[in-house]
Amino acid sequence: MGGCSAPNCSNSTSIGKQLFRFPKDPVRKKKWVLNCRRDFEPTPHSRLCQDHFEQSQFEEIARSPAGGKKLKPNAIPTLFNVGDPPYAAITTPYILLPLKPEPEKELNFGDHGYARRTPLPGLEEEDTDRTAEEQQPCTQCQVLKKQLEQEMQHTARLQKEAEEMKKRLYRLDRIEKGLQNFLFEDQIRALSLTKRSRRAVWSPETIMKARKIRCAVGTKGYEYLRELGYPLPSYRTLCNRLETKIMVTTDMSCEELAELGLGLMATCDSPTEVVGDNDEEDLIGVLS
């Protein structure tokens, strides 16, 4: 248990005495030390017991959380066994001001923590100037604070856009997997190109698949699918890429030839191709 720091005093909490720590205010702390008649620097553990304070230095009604007495905001100890103290107790009226909220890490109960310090006579101007300097806003701090707020808002927007992009990529991935169920890779790649693009390169699997589709739906149906955007090669490319090319003169339609299973294609009245549609496709067919 801690004891009293006053000379010729051995009181402590073990015998029921209430101890008070030295105030944080340097002016008041200096008066406490001078009244003690000790040449020392109080530590956070230094205390003075209740016997060194006059009864007028205690609050009449207020009590501490532990049930003990509370010192007044400007209480000064004057009762010591070393003669009259150089500083008398302050008995002038004082005004209790409301406490301002402070950060938790700065809470300190060393100055009794229950009332604001009322400045001593002669120190009002110094405290007023100091308060004015502390309250004066810093221009650079305001600029940095504004920049920080803008950066935080920009970061929040980027995070929102990133989340939207993730959702969109997930949907596109699902769509691509669905297309792979009935389209080849070159057909899926052709969907990203412009309509009737010259850059379309068709695989042999797609050519054979397109041949079956044309025989199944006919010339008009095949062209209708291409007009809708279904990724299929043109009729000329289809003819050039077929391995077996036999010219057959017959009145039978493509559907009838397909039913025979001979692998023959009749000369059909296909629509005129758009200029620039099949130049590269024709070159590919010749090279294959």
Protein backbone atom coordinates (compact mmCIF):
# COMPACT_ATOMS: atom_id res chain seq x y z
CA MET A 1 0.00 0.00 0.00
CA GLY A 2 1.24 3.54 -0.73
CA GLY A 3 1.83 6.01 1.99
CA CYS A 4 1.76 9.76 2.48
CA SER A 5 4.68 11.73 1.00
CA ALA A 6 4.55 14.50 3.60
CA PRO A 7 7.41 14.66 6.15
CA ASN A 8 6.75 13.24 9.62
CA CYS A 9 3.60 11.47 8.30
CA SER A 10 3.19 7.71 7.96
CA ASN A 11 -0.51 7.56 7.11
CA SER A 12 -1.66 5.09 4.46
CA THR A 13 -4.80 3.45 3.19
CA SER A 14 -4.11 0.45 5.41
CA ILE A 15 -5.25 2.49 8.44
CA GLY A 16 -8.26 3.96 6.66
CA LYS A 17 -6.71 7.22 5.48
CA GLN A 18 -7.65 8.59 2.07
CA LEU A 19 -4.74 9.55 -0.20
CA PHE A 20 -4.73 12.11 -3.01
CA ARG A 21 -2.20 12.23 -5.83
CA PHE A 22 -0.38 15.41 -6.77
CA PRO A 23 -2.10 17.51 -9.46
CA LYS A 24 -0.90 17.59 -13.04
CA ASP A 25 -1.00 21.39 -13.24
CA PRO A 26 2.62 22.51 -12.65
CA VAL A 27 1.59 25.64 -10.69
CA ARG A 28 -0.61 23.75 -8.24
CA LYS A 29 1.87 20.89 -7.97
CA LYS A 30 4.63 23.33 -7.07
CA LYS A 31 2.49 24.81 -4.29
CA TRP A 32 1.80 21.33 -2.91
CA VAL A 33 5.53 20.55 -2.86
CA LEU A 34 6.48 23.86 -1.21
CA ASN A 35 3.83 23.43 1.47
CA CYS A 36 5.23 19.96 2.18
CA ARG A 37 8.67 21.52 2.83
CA ARG A 38 10.28 18.85 0.69
CA ASP A 39 12.74 19.30 -2.13
CA PHE A 40 11.63 16.50 -4.46
CA GLU A 41 9.82 15.88 -7.73
CA PRO A 42 6.55 14.02 -7.21
CA THR A 43 6.10 10.83 -9.19
CA PRO A 44 2.81 9.37 -10.43
CA HIS A 45 2.78 7.31 -7.23
CA SER A 46 3.28 10.25 -4.82
CA ARG A 47 0.32 10.97 -2.52
CA LEU A 48 -0.79 13.25 0.31
CA CYS A 49 -3.27 12.02 2.90
CA GLN A 50 -6.47 13.71 3.98
CA ASP A 51 -4.96 15.01 7.25
CA HIS A 52 -3.04 17.72 5.37
CA PHE A 53 -6.15 19.42 3.96
CA GLU A 54 -8.46 21.73 5.83
CA GLN A 55 -12.11 20.76 5.97
CA SER A 56 -12.94 23.69 3.71
CA GLN A 57 -10.87 22.09 0.92
CA PHE A 58 -13.31 19.19 0.54
CA GLU A 59 -16.59 19.13 -1.35
CA GLU A 60 -19.55 19.29 1.00
CA ILE A 61 -21.77 16.80 -0.83
CA ALA A 62 -19.78 15.19 -3.62
CA ARG A 63 -18.25 11.82 -2.94
CA SER A 64 -15.71 9.75 -4.85
CA PRO A 65 -16.74 6.45 -6.50
CA ALA A 66 -15.17 4.62 -3.53
CA GLY A 67 -17.28 6.60 -1.06
CA GLY A 68 -14.52 8.88 0.19
CA LYS A 69 -14.25 12.63 0.18
CA LYS A 70 -13.51 14.72 -2.90
CA LEU A 71 -11.14 17.64 -3.02
CA LYS A 72 -12.21 20.93 -4.50
CA PRO A 73 -10.74 21.77 -7.90
CA ASN A 74 -8.21 24.24 -6.42
CA ALA A 75 -7.57 22.55 -3.08
CA ILE A 76 -4.13 23.19 -1.54
CA PRO A 77 -2.73 21.28 1.49
CA THR A 78 -1.82 23.53 4.44
CA LEU A 79 -1.72 21.26 7.52
CA PHE A 80 1.85 20.09 8.13
CA ASN A 81 4.08 19.62 11.19
CA VAL A 82 6.81 21.86 9.76
CA GLY A 83 5.46 25.34 10.39
CA ASP A 84 3.17 27.60 8.44
CA PRO A 85 3.04 26.84 4.72
CA PRO A 86 4.06 29.56 2.24
CA TYR A 87 0.78 29.17 0.32
CA ALA A 88 -2.57 29.48 2.05
CA ALA A 89 -5.60 27.51 1.00
CA ILE A 90 -7.70 29.09 -1.74
CA THR A 91 -11.19 29.81 -0.46
CA THR A 92 -12.40 32.15 -3.22
CA PRO A 93 -15.57 31.06 -5.02
CA TYR A 94 -15.07 29.02 -8.17
CA ILE A 95 -17.25 27.94 -11.09
CA LEU A 96 -17.39 24.35 -12.24
CA LEU A 97 -17.33 24.10 -16.03
CA PRO A 98 -18.69 21.12 -17.96
CA LEU A 99 -16.11 18.55 -18.96
CA LYS A 100 -15.27 18.17 -22.63
CA PRO A 101 -15.11 14.66 -24.04
CA GLU A 102 -11.50 13.49 -24.35
CA PRO A 103 -9.96 10.42 -25.99
CA GLU A 104 -9.85 7.38 -23.79
CA LYS A 105 -6.06 7.11 -23.94
CA GLU A 106 -5.69 10.61 -22.51
CA LEU A 107 -7.88 10.05 -19.48
CA ASN A 108 -5.93 10.68 -16.33
CA PHE A 109 -7.34 10.87 -12.86
CA GLY A 110 -4.22 12.48 -11.40
CA ASP A 111 -5.90 15.87 -11.26
CA HIS A 112 -8.95 14.40 -9.51
CA GLY A 113 -10.75 14.13 -12.85
CA TYR A 114 -14.09 15.53 -11.66
CA ALA A 115 -13.90 19.26 -12.44
CA ARG A 116 -12.07 21.64 -14.70
CA ARG A 117 -9.21 23.66 -13.32
CA THR A 118 -10.10 27.25 -12.53
CA PRO A 119 -7.07 29.45 -13.29
CA LEU A 120 -5.37 31.14 -10.37
CA PRO A 121 -5.35 34.96 -10.13
CA GLY A 122 -2.71 36.39 -12.43
CA LEU A 123 -2.71 33.40 -14.80
CA GLU A 124 -5.95 34.15 -16.67
CA GLU A 125 -4.24 35.99 -19.54
CA GLU A 126 -1.60 33.31 -20.05
CA ASP A 127 -4.20 30.52 -20.09
CA THR A 128 -6.44 32.55 -22.40
CA ASP A 129 -3.62 33.06 -24.92
CA ARG A 130 -2.70 29.40 -24.75
CA THR A 131 -6.31 28.35 -25.33
CA ALA A 132 -6.62 30.70 -28.30
CA GLU A 133 -3.48 29.22 -29.88
CA GLU A 134 -4.75 25.68 -29.34
CA GLN A 135 -8.14 26.48 -30.84
CA GLN A 136 -6.67 28.22 -33.89
CA PRO A 137 -7.02 25.79 -36.81
CA CYS A 138 -3.93 24.76 -38.77
CA THR A 139 -4.26 25.50 -42.50
CA GLN A 140 -2.02 22.65 -43.55
CA CYS A 141 -3.94 20.22 -41.34
CA GLN A 142 -7.21 21.28 -42.95
CA VAL A 143 -5.77 20.80 -46.45
CA LEU A 144 -4.42 17.35 -45.57
CA LYS A 145 -7.70 16.40 -43.94
CA LYS A 146 -9.61 17.41 -47.06
CA GLN A 147 -7.22 15.44 -49.28
CA LEU A 148 -7.62 12.41 -47.02
CA GLU A 149 -11.41 12.59 -47.29
CA GLN A 150 -11.18 12.82 -51.09
CA GLU A 151 -8.83 9.83 -51.26
CA MET A 152 -11.14 7.82 -49.02
CA GLN A 153 -14.11 8.63 -51.27
CA HIS A 154 -12.09 7.70 -54.38
CA THR A 155 -11.03 4.43 -52.75
CA ALA A 156 -14.64 3.63 -51.90
CA ARG A 157 -15.67 4.23 -55.54
CA LEU A 158 -12.89 1.98 -56.83
CA GLN A 159 -13.87 -0.77 -54.42
CA LYS A 160 -17.47 -0.53 -55.61
CA GLU A 161 -16.38 -0.68 -59.27
CA ALA A 162 -14.14 -3.66 -58.52
CA GLU A 163 -17.06 -5.53 -56.96
CA GLU A 164 -19.23 -4.79 -60.00
CA MET A 165 -16.47 -5.99 -62.35
CA LYS A 166 -16.14 -9.24 -60.38
CA LYS A 167 -19.88 -9.85 -60.71
CA ARG A 168 -19.77 -9.09 -64.42
CA LEU A 169 -16.80 -11.42 -65.02
CA TYR A 170 -18.62 -14.16 -63.13
CA ARG A 171 -21.69 -13.74 -65.35
CA LEU A 172 -19.57 -13.74 -68.53
CA ASP A 173 -17.79 -16.87 -67.38
CA ARG A 174 -21.13 -18.61 -66.85
CA ILE A 175 -22.30 -17.49 -70.29
CA GLU A 176 -19.12 -18.76 -71.96
CA LYS A 177 -19.46 -22.13 -70.28
CA GLY A 178 -23.05 -22.30 -71.51
CA LEU A 179 -22.01 -21.48 -75.09
CA GLN A 180 -19.40 -24.23 -75.04
CA ASN A 181 -22.21 -26.77 -74.81
CA PHE A 182 -23.23 -26.20 -78.46
CA LEU A 183 -20.53 -23.97 -80.04
CA PHE A 184 -16.87 -24.58 -80.87
CA GLU A 185 -14.09 -22.26 -79.76
CA ASP A 186 -13.83 -20.53 -83.15
CA GLN A 187 -17.59 -19.92 -83.14
CA ILE A 188 -17.43 -18.35 -79.68
CA ARG A 189 -14.50 -16.22 -80.84
CA ALA A 190 -16.48 -15.13 -83.91
CA LEU A 191 -19.25 -13.80 -81.67
CA SER A 192 -16.91 -11.06 -80.43
CA LEU A 193 -16.13 -9.94 -84.00
CA THR A 194 -18.21 -7.60 -86.11
CA LYS A 195 -20.86 -9.11 -88.35
CA ARG A 196 -19.41 -10.70 -91.48
CA SER A 197 -15.87 -9.93 -90.29
CA ARG A 198 -12.96 -10.92 -92.54
CA ARG A 199 -10.96 -12.10 -89.54
CA ALA A 200 -13.15 -15.14 -88.92
CA VAL A 201 -11.14 -18.38 -89.19
CA TRP A 202 -13.24 -21.53 -89.14
CA SER A 203 -12.06 -24.93 -87.94
CA PRO A 204 -12.78 -28.18 -89.83
CA GLU A 205 -15.22 -29.19 -87.08
CA THR A 206 -17.20 -26.00 -87.60
CA ILE A 207 -17.24 -26.53 -91.38
CA MET A 208 -18.68 -30.03 -91.01
CA LYS A 209 -21.19 -28.82 -88.45
CA ALA A 210 -22.23 -25.94 -90.75
CA ARG A 211 -22.69 -28.40 -93.62
CA LYS A 212 -25.05 -30.50 -91.55
CA ILE A 213 -27.01 -27.44 -90.47
CA ARG A 214 -27.36 -26.23 -94.06
CA CYS A 215 -28.57 -29.59 -95.24
CA ALA A 216 -31.04 -29.70 -92.36
CA VAL A 217 -32.56 -26.22 -92.71
CA GLY A 218 -31.92 -25.47 -96.37
CA THR A 219 -30.33 -22.48 -98.03
CA LYS A 220 -32.82 -19.89 -96.83
CA GLY A 221 -32.82 -21.25 -93.30
CA TYR A 222 -29.01 -21.27 -93.23
CA GLU A 223 -28.77 -17.67 -94.39
CA TYR A 224 -31.47 -16.67 -91.93
CA LEU A 225 -29.41 -18.10 -89.06
CA ARG A 226 -26.36 -16.15 -90.25
CA GLU A 227 -28.43 -12.97 -90.45
CA LEU A 228 -29.54 -13.50 -86.84
CA GLY A 229 -25.89 -13.62 -85.83
CA TYR A 230 -25.37 -17.35 -85.41
CA PRO A 231 -21.61 -17.95 -85.97
CA LEU A 232 -21.50 -19.90 -89.23
CA PRO A 233 -19.26 -19.59 -92.31
CA SER A 234 -20.69 -18.27 -95.56
CA TYR A 235 -21.99 -20.59 -98.26
CA ARG A 236 -18.99 -19.91 -100.53
CA THR A 237 -16.55 -20.69 -97.71
CA LEU A 238 -18.52 -23.82 -96.95
CA CYS A 239 -18.20 -25.01 -100.55
CA ASN A 240 -14.48 -24.17 -100.81
CA ARG A 241 -13.60 -25.94 -97.56
CA LEU A 242 -15.35 -29.23 -98.33
CA GLU A 243 -12.89 -31.95 -99.18
CA THR A 244 -15.11 -33.60 -101.82
CA LYS A 245 -16.35 -31.21 -104.47
CA ILE A 246 -18.61 -32.83 -107.06
CA MET A 247 -20.78 -30.80 -109.35
CA VAL A 248 -24.12 -32.51 -109.70
CA THR A 249 -26.79 -31.39 -112.11
CA THR A 250 -30.09 -32.43 -110.67
CA ASP A 251 -33.47 -31.07 -109.90
CA MET A 252 -33.28 -32.48 -106.35
CA SER A 253 -33.11 -30.06 -103.50
CA CYS A 254 -30.45 -30.04 -100.80
CA GLU A 255 -32.87 -31.69 -98.40
CA GLU A 256 -33.51 -34.55 -100.78
CA LEU A 257 -29.79 -35.07 -101.42
CA ALA A 258 -29.12 -35.07 -97.69
CA GLU A 259 -31.71 -37.83 -97.23
CA LEU A 260 -29.80 -39.99 -99.75
CA GLY A 261 -26.70 -39.85 -97.55
CA LEU A 262 -24.32 -39.55 -100.55
CA GLY A 263 -22.49 -36.53 -99.20
CA LEU A 264 -23.50 -34.48 -102.25
CA MET A 265 -24.64 -30.87 -102.34
CA ALA A 266 -26.78 -29.49 -105.09
CA THR A 267 -26.10 -26.16 -106.74
CA CYS A 268 -28.34 -23.80 -104.80
CA ASP A 269 -29.40 -20.31 -105.57
CA SER A 270 -27.52 -18.73 -102.68
CA PRO A 271 -27.84 -14.98 -102.19
CA THR A 272 -25.13 -12.70 -103.47
CA GLU A 273 -22.31 -12.33 -100.97
CA VAL A 274 -21.45 -8.89 -99.62
CA VAL A 275 -18.23 -7.43 -100.97
CA GLY A 276 -15.38 -8.01 -98.58
CA ASP A 277 -17.13 -10.82 -96.72
CA ASN A 278 -15.28 -13.86 -98.01
CA ASP A 279 -11.99 -12.72 -99.54
CA GLU A 280 -9.93 -14.09 -96.70
CA GLU A 281 -12.26 -17.08 -96.28
CA ASP A 282 -11.74 -18.00 -99.95
CA LEU A 283 -7.98 -17.76 -99.46
CA ILE A 284 -8.19 -20.04 -96.43
CA GLY A 285 -10.26 -22.55 -98.38
CA VAL A 286 -7.68 -22.66 -101.19
CA LEU A 287 -4.78 -23.09 -98.76
CA SER A 288 -6.53 -25.92 -96.94
